C-alpha cells in the first residue's frame, strides 16, 4: 500500500466508526468540508431523504460569506442549516462529523447550529 491508500483507508475507518455510533433514530446532521467550501445536510436515514441542505456554494449565501473555507463561512452555514431544518419541523438531530475531527470549521458549524436552535 502506498501512502495515499493508507490515508484513505484510515479515513473510511474513522467515518464508519463515527457513523456507527449515531444510530439513534433521529435525523443526522452531516457535514463535509473541502479546502474551499463546506456542506451540511439533515438526512432522515429511515426514509433515505434529505430534509434540509446548505452549502457555501449557494448563490443566495455567497454575498454573506467571503469564503466558505474559513470559520466565518462555516458559522453562517451552521445558522442557515439550523433555520432550514427548523422550518421543516426538525429540532433534534445527531451530529455526523464524518472522518473529520471536532475542531475548527466543523466545531464552528456545530456551535452556530446549536445557537440557532438545533439540539444535539
N, C-alpha and C. Protein backbone atom coordinates (compact mmCIF):
# COMPACT_ATOMS: atom_id res chain seq x y z
N UNK A 1 0.83 -1.19 0.00
CA UNK A 1 0.00 0.00 0.00
C UNK A 1 0.87 1.24 0.00
N UNK A 2 0.48 2.19 -0.82
CA UNK A 2 1.21 3.46 -0.78
C UNK A 2 0.57 4.39 0.25
N UNK A 3 1.16 5.55 0.44
CA UNK A 3 0.70 6.46 1.49
C UNK A 3 -0.73 6.92 1.31
N UNK A 4 -1.13 7.20 0.07
CA UNK A 4 -2.49 7.70 -0.17
C UNK A 4 -3.53 6.62 0.14
N UNK A 5 -3.24 5.38 -0.18
CA UNK A 5 -4.18 4.29 0.13
C UNK A 5 -4.33 4.11 1.63
N UNK A 6 -3.25 4.25 2.36
CA UNK A 6 -3.31 4.14 3.82
C UNK A 6 -4.16 5.25 4.40
N UNK A 7 -3.98 6.47 3.92
CA UNK A 7 -4.75 7.61 4.42
C UNK A 7 -6.23 7.42 4.13
N UNK A 8 -6.58 6.99 2.91
CA UNK A 8 -7.99 6.82 2.58
C UNK A 8 -8.61 5.67 3.37
N UNK A 9 -7.85 4.62 3.65
CA UNK A 9 -8.35 3.52 4.46
C UNK A 9 -8.62 3.98 5.89
N UNK A 10 -7.71 4.75 6.45
CA UNK A 10 -7.90 5.27 7.81
C UNK A 10 -9.10 6.20 7.87
N UNK A 11 -9.29 7.00 6.83
CA UNK A 11 -10.43 7.93 6.79
C UNK A 11 -11.75 7.17 6.75
N UNK A 12 -11.81 6.12 5.92
CA UNK A 12 -13.04 5.30 5.86
C UNK A 12 -13.32 4.62 7.18
N UNK A 13 -12.29 4.16 7.88
CA UNK A 13 -12.49 3.53 9.19
C UNK A 13 -13.04 4.52 10.21
N UNK A 14 -12.47 5.73 10.23
CA UNK A 14 -12.97 6.76 11.15
C UNK A 14 -14.41 7.11 10.85
N UNK A 15 -14.73 7.25 9.57
CA UNK A 15 -16.09 7.60 9.17
C UNK A 15 -17.07 6.51 9.58
N UNK A 16 -16.71 5.27 9.38
CA UNK A 16 -17.58 4.16 9.78
C UNK A 16 -17.76 4.14 11.29
N UNK A 17 -16.67 4.35 12.04
CA UNK A 17 -16.73 4.32 13.49
C UNK A 17 -17.65 5.42 14.02
N UNK A 18 -17.54 6.62 13.46
CA UNK A 18 -18.39 7.73 13.90
C UNK A 18 -19.85 7.46 13.54
N UNK A 19 -20.10 7.04 12.31
CA UNK A 19 -21.46 6.82 11.87
C UNK A 19 -22.12 5.64 12.58
N UNK A 20 -21.33 4.67 12.99
CA UNK A 20 -21.88 3.51 13.68
C UNK A 20 -22.41 3.88 15.06
N UNK A 21 -21.84 4.91 15.68
CA UNK A 21 -22.31 5.36 16.99
C UNK A 21 -23.58 6.20 16.91
N UNK A 22 -23.95 6.63 15.73
CA UNK A 22 -25.05 7.59 15.58
C UNK A 22 -26.42 6.96 15.39
N UNK A 23 -26.54 5.67 15.48
CA UNK A 23 -27.81 5.00 15.20
C UNK A 23 -28.79 5.26 16.34
N UNK A 24 -29.50 6.37 16.27
CA UNK A 24 -30.41 6.74 17.35
C UNK A 24 -31.84 6.91 16.86
N UNK A 25 -32.08 6.84 15.57
CA UNK A 25 -33.42 7.04 15.04
C UNK A 25 -33.73 8.49 14.72
N UNK A 26 -32.85 9.40 15.14
CA UNK A 26 -33.06 10.81 14.84
C UNK A 26 -32.43 11.15 13.49
N UNK A 27 -32.88 12.22 12.86
CA UNK A 27 -32.20 12.67 11.63
C UNK A 27 -30.75 13.03 11.93
N UNK A 28 -29.93 12.97 10.93
CA UNK A 28 -28.49 13.14 11.07
C UNK A 28 -28.06 14.42 10.38
N UNK A 29 -27.35 15.28 11.10
CA UNK A 29 -26.76 16.48 10.52
C UNK A 29 -25.35 16.12 10.06
N UNK A 30 -25.19 15.98 8.76
CA UNK A 30 -23.93 15.54 8.16
C UNK A 30 -23.16 16.74 7.64
N UNK A 31 -21.88 16.75 7.88
CA UNK A 31 -21.02 17.85 7.46
C UNK A 31 -19.88 17.30 6.61
N UNK A 32 -19.63 17.97 5.49
CA UNK A 32 -18.47 17.66 4.66
C UNK A 32 -17.73 18.95 4.40
N UNK A 33 -16.43 18.90 4.51
CA UNK A 33 -15.63 20.09 4.23
C UNK A 33 -14.58 19.76 3.18
N UNK A 34 -14.40 20.70 2.29
CA UNK A 34 -13.31 20.60 1.33
C UNK A 34 -12.37 21.76 1.61
N UNK A 35 -11.40 21.95 0.80
CA UNK A 35 -10.46 23.04 1.02
C UNK A 35 -11.09 24.40 0.87
N UNK A 36 -12.07 24.52 -0.02
CA UNK A 36 -12.68 25.83 -0.30
C UNK A 36 -14.10 26.00 0.22
N UNK A 37 -14.81 24.91 0.47
CA UNK A 37 -16.23 25.01 0.79
C UNK A 37 -16.60 24.08 1.94
N UNK A 38 -17.81 24.29 2.45
CA UNK A 38 -18.36 23.43 3.50
C UNK A 38 -19.81 23.15 3.15
N UNK A 39 -20.25 21.94 3.39
CA UNK A 39 -21.59 21.48 3.03
C UNK A 39 -22.23 20.84 4.26
N UNK A 40 -23.53 21.04 4.44
CA UNK A 40 -24.25 20.43 5.56
C UNK A 40 -25.60 19.94 5.06
N UNK A 41 -26.01 18.78 5.54
CA UNK A 41 -27.31 18.21 5.19
C UNK A 41 -27.94 17.60 6.42
N UNK A 42 -29.26 17.67 6.51
CA UNK A 42 -30.01 16.94 7.51
C UNK A 42 -30.69 15.80 6.78
N UNK A 43 -30.33 14.56 7.14
CA UNK A 43 -30.78 13.37 6.43
C UNK A 43 -31.59 12.50 7.36
N UNK A 44 -32.74 12.04 6.87
CA UNK A 44 -33.56 11.07 7.59
C UNK A 44 -33.17 9.69 7.07
N UNK A 45 -32.45 8.92 7.87
CA UNK A 45 -31.95 7.62 7.42
C UNK A 45 -33.05 6.57 7.29
N UNK A 46 -34.15 6.73 8.00
CA UNK A 46 -35.22 5.73 7.91
C UNK A 46 -35.90 5.76 6.55
N UNK A 47 -36.01 6.93 5.94
CA UNK A 47 -36.61 7.03 4.61
C UNK A 47 -35.58 7.29 3.52
N UNK A 48 -34.35 7.65 3.92
CA UNK A 48 -33.30 7.91 2.95
C UNK A 48 -33.47 9.23 2.22
N UNK A 49 -34.10 10.21 2.86
CA UNK A 49 -34.36 11.50 2.22
C UNK A 49 -33.56 12.61 2.89
N UNK A 50 -33.18 13.59 2.11
CA UNK A 50 -32.53 14.79 2.63
C UNK A 50 -33.62 15.79 3.00
N UNK A 51 -33.66 16.20 4.25
CA UNK A 51 -34.70 17.11 4.73
C UNK A 51 -34.31 18.57 4.53
N UNK A 52 -33.04 18.89 4.71
CA UNK A 52 -32.56 20.26 4.54
C UNK A 52 -31.09 20.21 4.15
N UNK A 53 -30.67 21.20 3.39
CA UNK A 53 -29.28 21.26 2.96
C UNK A 53 -28.83 22.71 2.84
N UNK A 54 -27.57 22.95 3.08
CA UNK A 54 -26.97 24.27 2.89
C UNK A 54 -25.50 24.08 2.57
N UNK A 55 -24.99 24.94 1.71
CA UNK A 55 -23.56 24.87 1.39
C UNK A 55 -23.05 26.25 1.04
N UNK A 56 -21.75 26.39 1.07
CA UNK A 56 -21.14 27.67 0.75
C UNK A 56 -21.12 27.93 -0.75
N UNK A 57 -21.59 26.99 -1.55
CA UNK A 57 -21.67 27.17 -3.00
C UNK A 57 -22.95 27.86 -3.44
N UNK A 58 -23.94 27.95 -2.56
CA UNK A 58 -25.23 28.51 -2.95
C UNK A 58 -25.10 29.99 -3.28
N UNK A 59 -25.78 30.38 -4.34
CA UNK A 59 -25.71 31.76 -4.80
C UNK A 59 -26.31 32.71 -3.76
N UNK A 60 -27.38 32.29 -3.08
CA UNK A 60 -28.03 33.15 -2.10
C UNK A 60 -27.15 33.42 -0.88
N UNK A 61 -26.20 32.53 -0.60
CA UNK A 61 -25.33 32.71 0.57
C UNK A 61 -23.98 33.31 0.22
N UNK A 62 -23.64 33.37 -1.03
CA UNK A 62 -22.31 33.85 -1.43
C UNK A 62 -22.07 35.30 -1.04
N UNK A 63 -23.13 36.11 -1.03
CA UNK A 63 -22.96 37.51 -0.64
C UNK A 63 -22.64 37.67 0.83
N UNK A 64 -23.12 36.74 1.66
CA UNK A 64 -22.88 36.81 3.10
C UNK A 64 -21.48 36.34 3.47
N UNK A 65 -20.96 35.36 2.73
CA UNK A 65 -19.65 34.82 3.08
C UNK A 65 -18.58 35.32 2.14
N UNK A 66 -17.46 35.59 2.67
CA UNK A 66 -16.33 35.92 1.81
C UNK A 66 -15.77 34.65 1.21
N UNK A 67 -15.66 33.63 2.05
CA UNK A 67 -15.13 32.34 1.62
C UNK A 67 -15.83 31.26 2.42
N UNK A 68 -16.09 30.16 1.79
CA UNK A 68 -16.69 29.04 2.53
C UNK A 68 -15.65 28.21 3.22
N UNK A 69 -14.40 28.47 2.96
CA UNK A 69 -13.33 27.66 3.52
C UNK A 69 -12.76 28.19 4.81
N UNK A 70 -13.49 29.06 5.51
CA UNK A 70 -12.99 29.56 6.78
C UNK A 70 -14.06 29.40 7.87
N UNK A 71 -13.71 29.74 9.10
CA UNK A 71 -14.62 29.55 10.23
C UNK A 71 -15.85 30.44 10.14
N UNK A 72 -15.69 31.65 9.63
CA UNK A 72 -16.83 32.55 9.50
C UNK A 72 -17.85 31.98 8.52
N UNK A 73 -17.38 31.42 7.44
CA UNK A 73 -18.27 30.79 6.47
C UNK A 73 -18.98 29.59 7.05
N UNK A 74 -18.27 28.80 7.85
CA UNK A 74 -18.87 27.63 8.49
C UNK A 74 -19.95 28.05 9.48
N UNK A 75 -19.72 29.16 10.14
CA UNK A 75 -20.70 29.65 11.11
C UNK A 75 -22.00 30.08 10.41
N UNK A 76 -21.88 30.73 9.28
CA UNK A 76 -23.06 31.14 8.51
C UNK A 76 -23.81 29.92 8.00
N UNK A 77 -23.10 28.93 7.52
CA UNK A 77 -23.74 27.70 7.03
C UNK A 77 -24.43 26.98 8.18
N UNK A 78 -23.84 26.98 9.36
CA UNK A 78 -24.46 26.36 10.54
C UNK A 78 -25.78 27.02 10.91
N UNK A 79 -25.80 28.35 10.89
CA UNK A 79 -27.06 29.05 11.19
C UNK A 79 -28.11 28.77 10.12
N UNK A 80 -27.68 28.74 8.86
CA UNK A 80 -28.61 28.52 7.75
C UNK A 80 -29.21 27.12 7.77
N UNK A 81 -28.39 26.11 8.03
CA UNK A 81 -28.92 24.74 8.07
C UNK A 81 -29.87 24.58 9.24
N UNK A 82 -29.60 25.25 10.35
CA UNK A 82 -30.49 25.17 11.51
C UNK A 82 -31.84 25.80 11.20
N UNK A 83 -31.85 26.96 10.56
CA UNK A 83 -33.14 27.60 10.25
C UNK A 83 -33.93 26.79 9.23
N UNK A 84 -33.24 26.18 8.26
CA UNK A 84 -33.95 25.35 7.27
C UNK A 84 -34.49 24.07 7.90
N UNK A 85 -33.74 23.48 8.82
CA UNK A 85 -34.22 22.27 9.49
C UNK A 85 -35.40 22.58 10.40
N UNK A 86 -35.33 23.69 11.12
CA UNK A 86 -36.43 24.08 12.00
C UNK A 86 -37.68 24.40 11.20
N UNK A 87 -37.52 24.96 10.01
CA UNK A 87 -38.66 25.25 9.14
C UNK A 87 -39.35 23.96 8.69
N UNK A 88 -38.58 22.88 8.57
CA UNK A 88 -39.14 21.57 8.20
C UNK A 88 -39.67 20.80 9.40
N UNK A 89 -39.51 21.35 10.61
CA UNK A 89 -40.01 20.70 11.81
C UNK A 89 -39.02 19.77 12.48
N UNK A 90 -37.76 19.88 12.14
CA UNK A 90 -36.74 19.03 12.73
C UNK A 90 -35.99 19.84 13.78
N UNK A 91 -36.04 19.40 15.03
CA UNK A 91 -35.34 20.11 16.10
C UNK A 91 -34.24 19.25 16.71
N UNK A 92 -34.46 17.94 16.84
CA UNK A 92 -33.48 17.02 17.40
C UNK A 92 -32.74 16.30 16.28
N UNK A 93 -31.42 16.38 16.29
CA UNK A 93 -30.60 15.69 15.29
C UNK A 93 -29.40 15.06 15.99
N UNK A 94 -28.71 14.21 15.27
CA UNK A 94 -27.40 13.74 15.71
C UNK A 94 -26.37 14.35 14.78
N UNK A 95 -25.19 14.66 15.30
CA UNK A 95 -24.17 15.36 14.53
C UNK A 95 -23.18 14.36 13.97
N UNK A 96 -23.12 14.27 12.65
CA UNK A 96 -22.21 13.36 11.97
C UNK A 96 -21.07 14.18 11.38
N UNK A 97 -19.92 14.12 12.02
CA UNK A 97 -18.77 14.89 11.57
C UNK A 97 -17.96 14.15 10.53
N UNK A 98 -18.38 12.94 10.19
CA UNK A 98 -17.66 12.15 9.19
C UNK A 98 -16.32 11.71 9.71
N UNK A 99 -15.30 11.86 8.91
CA UNK A 99 -13.96 11.44 9.34
C UNK A 99 -13.13 12.60 9.87
N UNK A 100 -13.76 13.76 10.03
CA UNK A 100 -13.04 14.96 10.48
C UNK A 100 -13.07 15.06 12.00
N UNK A 101 -12.06 15.68 12.56
CA UNK A 101 -12.04 15.92 14.00
C UNK A 101 -12.99 17.06 14.34
N UNK A 102 -13.52 17.06 15.57
CA UNK A 102 -14.40 18.13 16.02
C UNK A 102 -13.53 19.31 16.40
N UNK A 103 -13.17 20.09 15.37
CA UNK A 103 -12.17 21.14 15.54
C UNK A 103 -12.34 22.11 14.39
N UNK A 104 -12.06 23.37 14.61
CA UNK A 104 -12.05 24.35 13.53
C UNK A 104 -13.42 24.59 12.92
N UNK A 105 -13.51 24.42 11.59
CA UNK A 105 -14.76 24.70 10.87
C UNK A 105 -15.88 23.76 11.29
N UNK A 106 -15.54 22.50 11.58
CA UNK A 106 -16.55 21.52 11.99
C UNK A 106 -17.17 21.95 13.32
N UNK A 107 -16.37 22.39 14.25
CA UNK A 107 -16.86 22.83 15.55
C UNK A 107 -17.65 24.13 15.45
N UNK A 108 -17.19 25.07 14.62
CA UNK A 108 -17.91 26.34 14.46
C UNK A 108 -19.29 26.13 13.86
N UNK A 109 -19.40 25.23 12.89
CA UNK A 109 -20.70 24.93 12.29
C UNK A 109 -21.64 24.35 13.35
N UNK A 110 -21.14 23.45 14.18
CA UNK A 110 -21.96 22.85 15.23
C UNK A 110 -22.40 23.88 16.26
N UNK A 111 -21.50 24.75 16.67
CA UNK A 111 -21.85 25.79 17.66
C UNK A 111 -22.91 26.72 17.11
N UNK A 112 -22.79 27.11 15.85
CA UNK A 112 -23.77 28.01 15.24
C UNK A 112 -25.12 27.34 15.09
N UNK A 113 -25.14 26.06 14.74
CA UNK A 113 -26.40 25.34 14.61
C UNK A 113 -27.09 25.19 15.97
N UNK A 114 -26.31 24.94 17.01
CA UNK A 114 -26.89 24.87 18.37
C UNK A 114 -27.44 26.22 18.79
N UNK A 115 -26.72 27.27 18.52
CA UNK A 115 -27.16 28.62 18.89
C UNK A 115 -28.43 29.01 18.15
N UNK A 116 -28.61 28.49 16.93
CA UNK A 116 -29.79 28.82 16.14
C UNK A 116 -31.01 27.96 16.48
N UNK A 117 -30.83 26.95 17.36
CA UNK A 117 -32.00 26.21 17.82
C UNK A 117 -31.98 24.71 17.63
N UNK A 118 -31.02 24.15 16.92
CA UNK A 118 -30.96 22.69 16.79
C UNK A 118 -30.41 22.09 18.09
N UNK A 119 -30.89 20.91 18.42
CA UNK A 119 -30.43 20.23 19.64
C UNK A 119 -29.73 18.94 19.24
N UNK A 120 -28.50 18.80 19.71
CA UNK A 120 -27.73 17.56 19.55
C UNK A 120 -26.63 17.50 20.57
